[in-house]
Amino acid sequence: MVEEVLQAGFERAGSAEFLRNPDDPRDWNAAPSAAAAAGKRGTADRFVVRFVKPANL
């Protein structure tokens, strides 16, 4: 995903790990409603990447 955005001409401006959850076993992949029903809503290991559009695009 990141490579696709970079190839489109955007520049990576930063990233953050405030949504990380190292305890997530990454053993499920469900829609938010299914995750809520399983009691796993809000427990996924997530990330944030910020891109900016250069002035010449």
Protein backbone atom coordinates (compact mmCIF):
# COMPACT_ATOMS: atom_id res chain seq x y z
CA MET A 1 0.00 0.00 0.00
CA VAL A 2 2.71 2.52 0.93
CA GLU A 3 4.62 1.82 -2.28
CA GLU A 4 1.52 2.49 -4.38
CA VAL A 5 1.04 5.91 -2.80
CA LEU A 6 4.73 6.77 -3.25
CA GLN A 7 4.59 5.66 -6.90
CA ALA A 8 1.63 7.99 -7.41
CA GLY A 9 3.94 10.89 -6.53
CA PHE A 10 3.07 11.54 -2.90
CA GLU A 11 5.76 11.93 -0.26
CA ARG A 12 5.79 10.11 3.06
CA ALA A 13 5.58 12.78 5.75
CA GLY A 14 5.62 10.60 8.83
CA SER A 15 4.20 7.70 10.73
CA ALA A 16 3.06 6.93 14.26
CA GLU A 17 2.57 3.90 16.44
CA PHE A 18 0.00 5.22 18.93
CA LEU A 19 -2.57 2.67 17.67
CA ARG A 20 -0.19 -0.30 17.97
CA ASN A 21 -1.25 -3.30 20.02
CA PRO A 22 1.64 -5.77 20.25
CA ASP A 23 -0.67 -8.23 22.07
CA ASP A 24 -2.86 -8.67 18.97
CA PRO A 25 -2.36 -12.29 17.82
CA ARG A 26 -3.49 -11.30 14.28
CA ASP A 27 -5.55 -14.46 14.06
CA TRP A 28 -8.77 -12.87 12.83
CA ASN A 29 -10.01 -10.52 10.16
CA ALA A 30 -13.57 -9.35 10.48
CA ALA A 31 -15.87 -6.44 9.77
CA PRO A 32 -16.31 -4.04 12.71
CA SER A 33 -19.73 -5.51 13.57
CA ALA A 34 -18.30 -9.05 13.59
CA ALA A 35 -15.35 -7.94 15.70
CA ALA A 36 -17.75 -6.33 18.18
CA ALA A 37 -19.82 -9.51 18.35
CA ALA A 38 -16.65 -11.50 19.08
CA GLY A 39 -15.58 -9.04 21.79
CA LYS A 40 -12.50 -7.98 19.81
CA ARG A 41 -13.52 -4.49 18.66
CA GLY A 42 -10.67 -2.04 19.24
CA THR A 43 -8.04 -4.71 19.87
CA ALA A 44 -6.42 -4.82 16.42
CA ASP A 45 -2.80 -3.82 15.87
CA ARG A 46 -3.02 -0.71 13.66
CA PHE A 47 -0.73 1.90 12.16
CA VAL A 48 -0.80 5.46 10.84
CA VAL A 49 1.11 6.76 7.82
CA ARG A 50 0.91 10.37 6.64
CA PHE A 51 1.48 11.41 3.03
CA VAL A 52 1.60 14.85 1.47
CA LYS A 53 0.99 15.94 -2.08
CA PRO A 54 4.01 17.79 -3.50
CA ALA A 55 3.36 21.24 -4.94
CA ASN A 56 4.27 20.05 -8.44
CA LEU A 57 1.48 17.45 -8.67
